[in-house]
Amino acid sequence: MSGLEQRIEKLEKQTRFYKMGFFGLCLIITAMTTMAAQMPAADIDAQVITCTELRVLGEDNKPAVIIFGAEGGNVGVYNSEEKLVAGIGTGERGGYVETYDNEEKMVADMKAGVRGGVVSIYNEAEKTVSRLFAVEFGGSIDLANNQGENVVDIYSGEFGGVSILANTEGLEVVQLRADGSGHGEVSLWDRNNYGRTLTPFAWYRWQR
């Protein structure tokens, strides 16, 4: 057998070997793919999932929870009609939690404010009717009418508690507070800003 014939025979053997190896590799890949497809989700251990948006679907195949990375990270919870009913995310000063009715109107939220936390309650017109928040000397509660105008303020002042009542025009007409001596005071005003202050001593008339 000539040298050329020997080289041709050797090349044919190598070709048959590579073909067998290629088909074997294809069989292995096919088997692994089939096993992975049939493997239950609980058996898949993923330490880290990297994505820009993650959706959790309900039994009706509609989004129930959506986690997305926009604006620092947000989580949205949806009802069966795909309406947003709750949200958790990041705001200007920190985190926030919001709740909505079935029409996606905000009914309450809790967020970070200037001096601490702020809790707000909204009416059906999405006007703020109640707020609980932190002020310089402690806590504060605001109550508003359906137009969002404050009618009651209760807060911690420098010398103690302060309560303020306003009329329908937004004018302060009653104030209860503690003074620097530890005495209580009650002030009353008419709509023209004239009034009186009651102290443990005599009444006196004064104008703001």
Protein backbone atom coordinates (compact mmCIF):
# COMPACT_ATOMS: atom_id res chain seq x y z
CA MET A 1 0.00 0.00 0.00
CA SER A 2 1.41 3.29 -1.07
CA GLY A 3 1.90 6.20 1.28
CA LEU A 4 -0.94 8.11 -0.36
CA GLU A 5 -3.37 5.25 0.20
CA GLN A 6 -2.32 4.98 3.85
CA ARG A 7 -2.94 8.68 4.40
CA ILE A 8 -6.40 8.44 2.76
CA GLU A 9 -7.35 5.45 4.94
CA LYS A 10 -6.17 7.29 8.08
CA LEU A 11 -8.21 10.34 7.11
CA GLU A 12 -11.33 8.19 6.58
CA LYS A 13 -10.90 6.66 10.06
CA GLN A 14 -10.56 10.12 11.64
CA THR A 15 -13.68 11.30 9.78
CA ARG A 16 -15.70 8.31 11.06
CA PHE A 17 -14.46 9.01 14.61
CA TYR A 18 -15.44 12.68 14.47
CA LYS A 19 -18.88 11.78 13.09
CA MET A 20 -19.50 9.35 15.94
CA GLY A 21 -18.32 11.93 18.47
CA PHE A 22 -20.54 14.64 16.98
CA PHE A 23 -23.64 12.42 17.04
CA GLY A 24 -22.84 11.38 20.60
CA LEU A 25 -22.56 15.01 21.69
CA CYS A 26 -25.90 15.78 20.04
CA LEU A 27 -27.52 12.91 21.94
CA ILE A 28 -26.10 14.17 25.25
CA ILE A 29 -27.32 17.75 24.63
CA THR A 30 -30.78 16.48 23.65
CA ALA A 31 -31.01 14.35 26.79
CA MET A 32 -29.93 17.21 29.05
CA THR A 33 -32.43 19.61 27.43
CA THR A 34 -35.27 17.11 27.85
CA MET A 35 -34.40 16.49 31.51
CA ALA A 36 -34.21 20.24 32.24
CA ALA A 37 -37.60 20.84 30.64
CA GLN A 38 -39.18 18.07 32.74
CA MET A 39 -37.49 19.15 35.98
CA PRO A 40 -39.93 20.73 38.52
CA ALA A 41 -39.39 24.43 39.20
CA ALA A 42 -38.77 23.69 42.87
CA ASP A 43 -35.71 21.64 41.94
CA ILE A 44 -34.02 24.56 40.18
CA ASP A 45 -31.76 26.41 42.59
CA ALA A 46 -30.99 29.93 41.31
CA GLN A 47 -28.84 31.98 43.66
CA VAL A 48 -29.13 35.21 41.65
CA ILE A 49 -31.67 36.32 39.05
CA THR A 50 -30.68 39.42 37.09
CA CYS A 51 -33.41 41.27 35.20
CA THR A 52 -35.00 44.70 34.82
CA GLU A 53 -38.55 43.48 35.49
CA LEU A 54 -39.97 40.39 37.20
CA ARG A 55 -43.65 39.44 36.88
CA VAL A 56 -45.50 36.97 39.08
CA LEU A 57 -48.65 35.68 37.40
CA GLY A 58 -51.81 34.52 39.12
CA GLU A 59 -53.88 31.43 38.31
CA ASP A 60 -55.63 33.42 35.56
CA ASN A 61 -52.24 34.14 33.96
CA LYS A 62 -52.57 37.87 34.76
CA PRO A 63 -49.87 39.85 36.61
CA ALA A 64 -50.36 39.70 40.37
CA VAL A 65 -47.03 41.23 41.40
CA ILE A 66 -44.58 43.21 39.28
CA ILE A 67 -41.07 44.05 40.50
CA PHE A 68 -39.14 46.50 38.35
CA GLY A 69 -35.94 48.48 38.68
CA ALA A 70 -37.12 51.87 37.39
CA GLU A 71 -36.63 54.89 39.68
CA GLY A 72 -34.64 52.96 42.26
CA GLY A 73 -36.84 49.89 42.49
CA ASN A 74 -40.60 49.40 42.83
CA VAL A 75 -43.06 46.63 43.63
CA GLY A 76 -46.65 46.77 42.36
CA VAL A 77 -49.48 44.49 43.56
CA TYR A 78 -52.50 44.08 41.26
CA ASN A 79 -56.02 42.69 41.67
CA SER A 80 -57.75 40.21 39.36
CA GLU A 81 -58.72 43.06 37.01
CA GLU A 82 -55.06 44.11 36.66
CA LYS A 83 -55.66 47.30 38.66
CA LEU A 84 -52.85 48.53 40.91
CA VAL A 85 -53.94 48.21 44.56
CA ALA A 86 -50.64 48.55 46.44
CA GLY A 87 -47.14 49.78 45.78
CA ILE A 88 -43.76 49.85 47.50
CA GLY A 89 -40.91 51.94 46.17
CA THR A 90 -38.45 54.77 46.61
CA GLY A 91 -39.35 58.46 46.73
CA GLU A 92 -37.56 61.77 47.04
CA ARG A 93 -36.60 61.28 50.70
CA GLY A 94 -36.67 57.51 51.06
CA GLY A 95 -39.12 54.64 50.83
CA TYR A 96 -42.90 54.72 50.52
CA VAL A 97 -45.91 52.42 50.72
CA GLU A 98 -49.13 53.25 48.86
CA THR A 99 -52.58 51.62 48.78
CA TYR A 100 -55.29 52.14 46.15
CA ASP A 101 -58.94 51.22 45.72
CA ASN A 102 -60.22 49.07 42.85
CA GLU A 103 -60.31 52.14 40.59
CA GLU A 104 -56.61 52.83 41.21
CA LYS A 105 -57.37 55.91 43.32
CA MET A 106 -54.94 56.41 46.18
CA VAL A 107 -56.54 55.96 49.62
CA ALA A 108 -53.47 55.99 51.89
CA ASP A 109 -49.71 56.26 51.82
CA MET A 110 -46.76 56.15 54.18
CA LYS A 111 -43.48 57.78 53.23
CA ALA A 112 -40.35 59.48 54.53
CA GLY A 113 -40.74 63.22 55.18
CA VAL A 114 -38.49 66.11 56.16
CA ARG A 115 -38.26 65.13 59.85
CA GLY A 116 -39.38 61.51 59.76
CA GLY A 117 -42.33 59.45 58.63
CA VAL A 118 -45.60 60.76 57.14
CA VAL A 119 -48.91 58.86 56.96
CA SER A 120 -51.66 60.35 54.77
CA ILE A 121 -55.31 59.35 54.23
CA TYR A 122 -57.23 60.43 51.10
CA ASN A 123 -60.94 60.71 50.30
CA GLU A 124 -62.63 59.49 47.11
CA ALA A 125 -61.58 62.70 45.35
CA GLU A 126 -57.95 61.91 46.29
CA LYS A 127 -57.81 64.94 48.60
CA THR A 128 -55.77 64.61 51.81
CA VAL A 129 -58.17 64.48 54.77
CA SER A 130 -55.80 63.27 57.48
CA ARG A 131 -52.04 63.30 58.06
CA LEU A 132 -49.82 62.03 60.83
CA PHE A 133 -46.23 63.24 60.68
CA ALA A 134 -43.19 64.42 62.64
CA VAL A 135 -42.48 68.09 63.44
CA GLU A 136 -39.60 69.84 65.19
CA PHE A 137 -40.78 69.08 68.74
CA GLY A 138 -42.55 65.76 68.18
CA GLY A 139 -45.62 64.50 66.36
CA SER A 140 -48.46 66.23 64.53
CA ILE A 141 -51.95 65.35 63.29
CA ASP A 142 -53.81 67.31 60.60
CA LEU A 143 -57.48 66.85 59.74
CA ALA A 144 -59.00 68.40 56.62
CA ASN A 145 -62.43 68.76 55.01
CA ASN A 146 -63.39 67.17 51.69
CA GLN A 147 -61.75 70.04 49.82
CA GLY A 148 -58.42 69.27 51.45
CA GLU A 149 -58.45 72.40 53.65
CA ASN A 150 -57.05 71.94 57.15
CA VAL A 151 -59.65 72.42 59.90
CA VAL A 152 -57.84 70.78 62.85
CA ASP A 153 -54.12 70.80 63.71
CA ILE A 154 -52.74 69.04 66.77
CA TYR A 155 -49.00 69.07 67.33
CA SER A 156 -46.22 69.13 69.88
CA GLY A 157 -44.92 72.66 70.48
CA GLU A 158 -41.93 74.04 72.32
CA PHE A 159 -43.80 74.16 75.66
CA GLY A 160 -46.27 71.30 75.18
CA GLY A 161 -49.28 70.41 73.09
CA VAL A 162 -51.07 72.78 70.70
CA SER A 163 -54.53 72.34 69.15
CA ILE A 164 -55.87 74.63 66.43
CA LEU A 165 -59.41 74.71 64.99
CA ALA A 166 -60.31 76.55 61.79
CA ASN A 167 -63.65 77.57 60.27
CA THR A 168 -64.88 76.69 56.77
CA GLU A 169 -62.92 79.64 55.39
CA GLY A 170 -59.67 78.24 56.74
CA LEU A 171 -59.33 80.95 59.41
CA GLU A 172 -58.04 79.94 62.84
CA VAL A 173 -60.83 80.54 65.40
CA VAL A 174 -59.80 78.40 68.39
CA GLN A 175 -56.38 77.57 69.84
CA LEU A 176 -55.50 75.54 72.92
CA ARG A 177 -51.89 75.47 74.07
CA ALA A 178 -49.46 75.39 76.97
CA ASP A 179 -47.35 78.48 77.67
CA GLY A 180 -43.73 78.72 78.79
CA SER A 181 -44.75 78.77 82.45
CA GLY A 182 -46.62 75.51 82.19
CA HIS A 183 -50.05 77.17 82.21
CA GLY A 184 -52.82 76.37 79.78
CA GLU A 185 -54.32 78.95 77.40
CA VAL A 186 -57.46 79.04 75.30
CA SER A 187 -57.74 81.64 72.53
CA LEU A 188 -60.91 82.45 70.58
CA TRP A 189 -61.25 84.66 67.48
CA ASP A 190 -64.10 85.85 65.33
CA ARG A 191 -63.92 85.88 61.55
CA ASN A 192 -62.46 89.40 61.69
CA ASN A 193 -59.44 88.20 63.68
CA TYR A 194 -60.58 89.79 66.95
CA GLY A 195 -60.65 87.55 69.97
CA ARG A 196 -59.82 86.81 73.56
CA THR A 197 -57.38 84.54 75.37
CA LEU A 198 -58.35 82.70 78.53
CA THR A 199 -55.51 82.07 80.98
CA PRO A 200 -55.56 80.95 84.62
CA PHE A 201 -55.67 84.71 85.31
CA ALA A 202 -57.90 87.43 83.89
CA TRP A 203 -59.44 87.54 80.44
CA TYR A 204 -58.04 90.15 78.13
CA ARG A 205 -58.93 91.34 74.66
CA TRP A 206 -56.32 91.41 71.95
CA GLN A 207 -55.92 91.48 68.20
CA ARG A 208 -53.55 89.31 66.22
